[in-house]
Amino acid sequence: YVGALVYLAIPGSVIGFTAYLTLVGRLGPERAAYSTVLFPVVALNVSAWAEGYRWTAPALAGLLLVMAGNVLVFRKRPLA
């Protein structure tokens, strides 16, 4: 219990929040907010590597939708 609490308090909160604030400073708040969409993708990949998660068709379809959404958000729009 104590080990899990320390892990969540230090890397999960302090380091994660600092990294996110650095990202906000570099990209701006609008673009940094879209990076949170990728968190489930990273979590699924870590789970596949560490826990033996098996990818399913719905999971792959969701991954493709996440990636397509990010491409749409980050593409350059013509100046009108």
N, C-alpha and C. Protein backbone atom coordinates (compact mmCIF):
# COMPACT_ATOMS: atom_id res chain seq x y z
N TYR A 1 0.82 -1.19 0.00
CA TYR A 1 0.00 0.00 0.00
C TYR A 1 0.86 1.25 0.00
N VAL A 2 1.83 1.30 0.89
CA VAL A 2 2.67 2.50 1.01
C VAL A 2 3.49 2.68 -0.27
N GLY A 3 3.99 1.58 -0.83
CA GLY A 3 4.76 1.67 -2.07
C GLY A 3 3.92 2.23 -3.22
N ALA A 4 2.68 1.76 -3.35
CA ALA A 4 1.80 2.26 -4.39
C ALA A 4 1.47 3.73 -4.17
N LEU A 5 1.27 4.11 -2.92
CA LEU A 5 0.98 5.50 -2.60
C LEU A 5 2.14 6.41 -2.95
N VAL A 6 3.35 6.00 -2.61
CA VAL A 6 4.54 6.79 -2.94
C VAL A 6 4.71 6.89 -4.46
N TYR A 7 4.48 5.78 -5.16
CA TYR A 7 4.60 5.79 -6.62
C TYR A 7 3.61 6.77 -7.24
N LEU A 8 2.37 6.75 -6.78
CA LEU A 8 1.37 7.65 -7.33
C LEU A 8 1.63 9.10 -6.94
N ALA A 9 2.18 9.32 -5.76
CA ALA A 9 2.43 10.68 -5.31
C ALA A 9 3.62 11.31 -6.02
N ILE A 10 4.68 10.54 -6.25
CA ILE A 10 5.88 11.12 -6.85
C ILE A 10 5.83 11.08 -8.38
N PRO A 11 6.00 9.92 -9.02
CA PRO A 11 6.00 9.94 -10.48
C PRO A 11 4.64 10.30 -11.07
N GLY A 12 3.59 9.76 -10.48
CA GLY A 12 2.27 9.97 -11.06
C GLY A 12 1.78 11.39 -10.97
N SER A 13 2.15 12.10 -9.95
CA SER A 13 1.64 13.46 -9.76
C SER A 13 2.70 14.52 -10.03
N VAL A 14 3.76 14.49 -9.28
CA VAL A 14 4.76 15.55 -9.37
C VAL A 14 5.45 15.56 -10.72
N ILE A 15 6.02 14.44 -11.12
CA ILE A 15 6.74 14.39 -12.38
C ILE A 15 5.78 14.53 -13.56
N GLY A 16 4.65 13.87 -13.50
CA GLY A 16 3.68 13.96 -14.58
C GLY A 16 3.15 15.38 -14.76
N PHE A 17 2.82 16.05 -13.68
CA PHE A 17 2.31 17.42 -13.75
C PHE A 17 3.38 18.37 -14.27
N THR A 18 4.61 18.19 -13.83
CA THR A 18 5.72 19.03 -14.31
C THR A 18 5.93 18.82 -15.81
N ALA A 19 5.89 17.58 -16.26
CA ALA A 19 6.05 17.30 -17.68
C ALA A 19 4.92 17.93 -18.49
N TYR A 20 3.70 17.85 -17.98
CA TYR A 20 2.57 18.42 -18.70
C TYR A 20 2.68 19.95 -18.76
N LEU A 21 3.09 20.58 -17.69
CA LEU A 21 3.26 22.03 -17.71
C LEU A 21 4.36 22.46 -18.69
N THR A 22 5.41 21.65 -18.79
CA THR A 22 6.45 21.93 -19.77
C THR A 22 5.88 21.83 -21.18
N LEU A 23 5.06 20.82 -21.42
CA LEU A 23 4.42 20.66 -22.72
C LEU A 23 3.51 21.84 -23.03
N VAL A 24 2.75 22.29 -22.06
CA VAL A 24 1.88 23.45 -22.25
C VAL A 24 2.71 24.68 -22.61
N GLY A 25 3.85 24.85 -21.94
CA GLY A 25 4.71 25.98 -22.24
C GLY A 25 5.28 25.93 -23.65
N ARG A 26 5.56 24.75 -24.16
CA ARG A 26 6.15 24.62 -25.50
C ARG A 26 5.12 24.67 -26.61
N LEU A 27 3.98 24.00 -26.42
CA LEU A 27 2.99 23.90 -27.48
C LEU A 27 1.83 24.89 -27.35
N GLY A 28 1.61 25.37 -26.16
CA GLY A 28 0.43 26.18 -25.89
C GLY A 28 -0.67 25.30 -25.33
N PRO A 29 -1.60 25.89 -24.61
CA PRO A 29 -2.62 25.09 -23.93
C PRO A 29 -3.56 24.35 -24.88
N GLU A 30 -3.87 24.94 -26.04
CA GLU A 30 -4.80 24.29 -26.95
C GLU A 30 -4.22 22.98 -27.49
N ARG A 31 -3.00 23.03 -27.98
CA ARG A 31 -2.39 21.84 -28.56
C ARG A 31 -1.98 20.83 -27.49
N ALA A 32 -1.57 21.29 -26.34
CA ALA A 32 -1.19 20.37 -25.27
C ALA A 32 -2.40 19.57 -24.78
N ALA A 33 -3.57 20.17 -24.81
CA ALA A 33 -4.78 19.47 -24.38
C ALA A 33 -5.06 18.27 -25.27
N TYR A 34 -4.74 18.36 -26.54
CA TYR A 34 -4.97 17.23 -27.44
C TYR A 34 -4.02 16.06 -27.18
N SER A 35 -2.90 16.34 -26.54
CA SER A 35 -1.98 15.24 -26.24
C SER A 35 -2.59 14.26 -25.24
N THR A 36 -3.54 14.71 -24.44
CA THR A 36 -4.17 13.82 -23.48
C THR A 36 -4.97 12.72 -24.17
N VAL A 37 -5.33 12.95 -25.44
CA VAL A 37 -6.04 11.93 -26.20
C VAL A 37 -5.15 10.72 -26.42
N LEU A 38 -3.84 10.93 -26.43
CA LEU A 38 -2.90 9.83 -26.68
C LEU A 38 -2.62 9.00 -25.43
N PHE A 39 -3.02 9.45 -24.27
CA PHE A 39 -2.74 8.70 -23.04
C PHE A 39 -3.30 7.27 -23.09
N PRO A 40 -4.54 7.05 -23.57
CA PRO A 40 -5.01 5.66 -23.64
C PRO A 40 -4.18 4.81 -24.60
N VAL A 41 -3.66 5.39 -25.67
CA VAL A 41 -2.82 4.65 -26.61
C VAL A 41 -1.56 4.18 -25.92
N VAL A 42 -0.93 5.07 -25.16
CA VAL A 42 0.28 4.71 -24.42
C VAL A 42 -0.05 3.65 -23.38
N ALA A 43 -1.16 3.83 -22.68
CA ALA A 43 -1.54 2.86 -21.64
C ALA A 43 -1.79 1.47 -22.23
N LEU A 44 -2.45 1.40 -23.37
CA LEU A 44 -2.70 0.10 -24.00
C LEU A 44 -1.40 -0.56 -24.45
N ASN A 45 -0.47 0.23 -24.96
CA ASN A 45 0.81 -0.34 -25.39
C ASN A 45 1.63 -0.83 -24.20
N VAL A 46 1.62 -0.08 -23.12
CA VAL A 46 2.33 -0.53 -21.92
C VAL A 46 1.68 -1.80 -21.39
N SER A 47 0.35 -1.84 -21.40
CA SER A 47 -0.36 -3.03 -20.94
C SER A 47 -0.06 -4.23 -21.83
N ALA A 48 0.03 -4.02 -23.12
CA ALA A 48 0.36 -5.12 -24.03
C ALA A 48 1.76 -5.65 -23.76
N TRP A 49 2.67 -4.76 -23.47
CA TRP A 49 4.05 -5.16 -23.21
C TRP A 49 4.21 -5.80 -21.83
N ALA A 50 3.63 -5.17 -20.82
CA ALA A 50 3.88 -5.60 -19.44
C ALA A 50 2.90 -6.67 -18.94
N GLU A 51 1.68 -6.64 -19.43
CA GLU A 51 0.65 -7.52 -18.88
C GLU A 51 0.12 -8.54 -19.87
N GLY A 52 0.60 -8.51 -21.11
CA GLY A 52 0.13 -9.46 -22.10
C GLY A 52 -1.23 -9.13 -22.68
N TYR A 53 -1.61 -7.84 -22.70
CA TYR A 53 -2.89 -7.44 -23.29
C TYR A 53 -2.92 -7.86 -24.75
N ARG A 54 -4.03 -8.43 -25.17
CA ARG A 54 -4.18 -8.85 -26.56
C ARG A 54 -5.08 -7.86 -27.28
N TRP A 55 -4.57 -7.33 -28.37
CA TRP A 55 -5.32 -6.35 -29.15
C TRP A 55 -6.52 -7.01 -29.82
N THR A 56 -7.63 -6.31 -29.80
CA THR A 56 -8.85 -6.78 -30.44
C THR A 56 -9.21 -5.82 -31.57
N ALA A 57 -10.13 -6.22 -32.41
CA ALA A 57 -10.56 -5.37 -33.51
C ALA A 57 -11.14 -4.03 -33.01
N PRO A 58 -12.00 -4.03 -31.98
CA PRO A 58 -12.49 -2.73 -31.49
C PRO A 58 -11.37 -1.85 -30.92
N ALA A 59 -10.39 -2.44 -30.26
CA ALA A 59 -9.28 -1.66 -29.72
C ALA A 59 -8.46 -1.04 -30.85
N LEU A 60 -8.21 -1.80 -31.90
CA LEU A 60 -7.47 -1.27 -33.05
C LEU A 60 -8.27 -0.19 -33.77
N ALA A 61 -9.58 -0.38 -33.88
CA ALA A 61 -10.43 0.64 -34.50
C ALA A 61 -10.40 1.93 -33.68
N GLY A 62 -10.44 1.80 -32.37
CA GLY A 62 -10.34 2.98 -31.51
C GLY A 62 -9.00 3.67 -31.65
N LEU A 63 -7.94 2.88 -31.73
CA LEU A 63 -6.61 3.45 -31.93
C LEU A 63 -6.54 4.23 -33.24
N LEU A 64 -7.11 3.69 -34.30
CA LEU A 64 -7.11 4.40 -35.59
C LEU A 64 -7.93 5.68 -35.51
N LEU A 65 -9.04 5.65 -34.79
CA LEU A 65 -9.84 6.87 -34.65
C LEU A 65 -9.10 7.95 -33.85
N VAL A 66 -8.39 7.53 -32.81
CA VAL A 66 -7.60 8.48 -32.02
C VAL A 66 -6.53 9.13 -32.89
N MET A 67 -5.83 8.31 -33.66
CA MET A 67 -4.77 8.83 -34.51
C MET A 67 -5.33 9.75 -35.60
N ALA A 68 -6.46 9.37 -36.20
CA ALA A 68 -7.08 10.21 -37.23
C ALA A 68 -7.53 11.54 -36.64
N GLY A 69 -8.06 11.52 -35.44
CA GLY A 69 -8.45 12.76 -34.78
C GLY A 69 -7.28 13.68 -34.52
N ASN A 70 -6.17 13.12 -34.10
CA ASN A 70 -4.98 13.94 -33.87
C ASN A 70 -4.43 14.51 -35.18
N VAL A 71 -4.48 13.74 -36.25
CA VAL A 71 -4.03 14.25 -37.55
C VAL A 71 -4.90 15.43 -37.97
N LEU A 72 -6.20 15.31 -37.79
CA LEU A 72 -7.10 16.40 -38.15
C LEU A 72 -6.85 17.65 -37.31
N VAL A 73 -6.58 17.47 -36.05
CA VAL A 73 -6.37 18.61 -35.16
C VAL A 73 -5.05 19.31 -35.46
N PHE A 74 -4.01 18.56 -35.72
CA PHE A 74 -2.69 19.16 -35.87
C PHE A 74 -2.34 19.54 -37.31
N ARG A 75 -3.20 19.27 -38.26
CA ARG A 75 -2.86 19.64 -39.64
C ARG A 75 -2.87 21.14 -39.81
N LYS A 76 -2.10 21.60 -40.75
CA LYS A 76 -2.03 23.04 -41.03
C LYS A 76 -3.26 23.43 -41.81
N ARG A 77 -3.89 24.48 -41.37
CA ARG A 77 -5.08 24.99 -42.06
C ARG A 77 -4.65 26.16 -42.93
N PRO A 78 -5.21 26.24 -44.14
CA PRO A 78 -4.84 27.38 -44.99
C PRO A 78 -5.36 28.68 -44.39
N LEU A 79 -4.54 29.71 -44.49
CA LEU A 79 -4.95 31.02 -43.99
C LEU A 79 -5.97 31.62 -44.96
N ALA A 80 -7.10 32.04 -44.44
CA ALA A 80 -8.14 32.60 -45.32
C ALA A 80 -8.25 34.08 -45.13
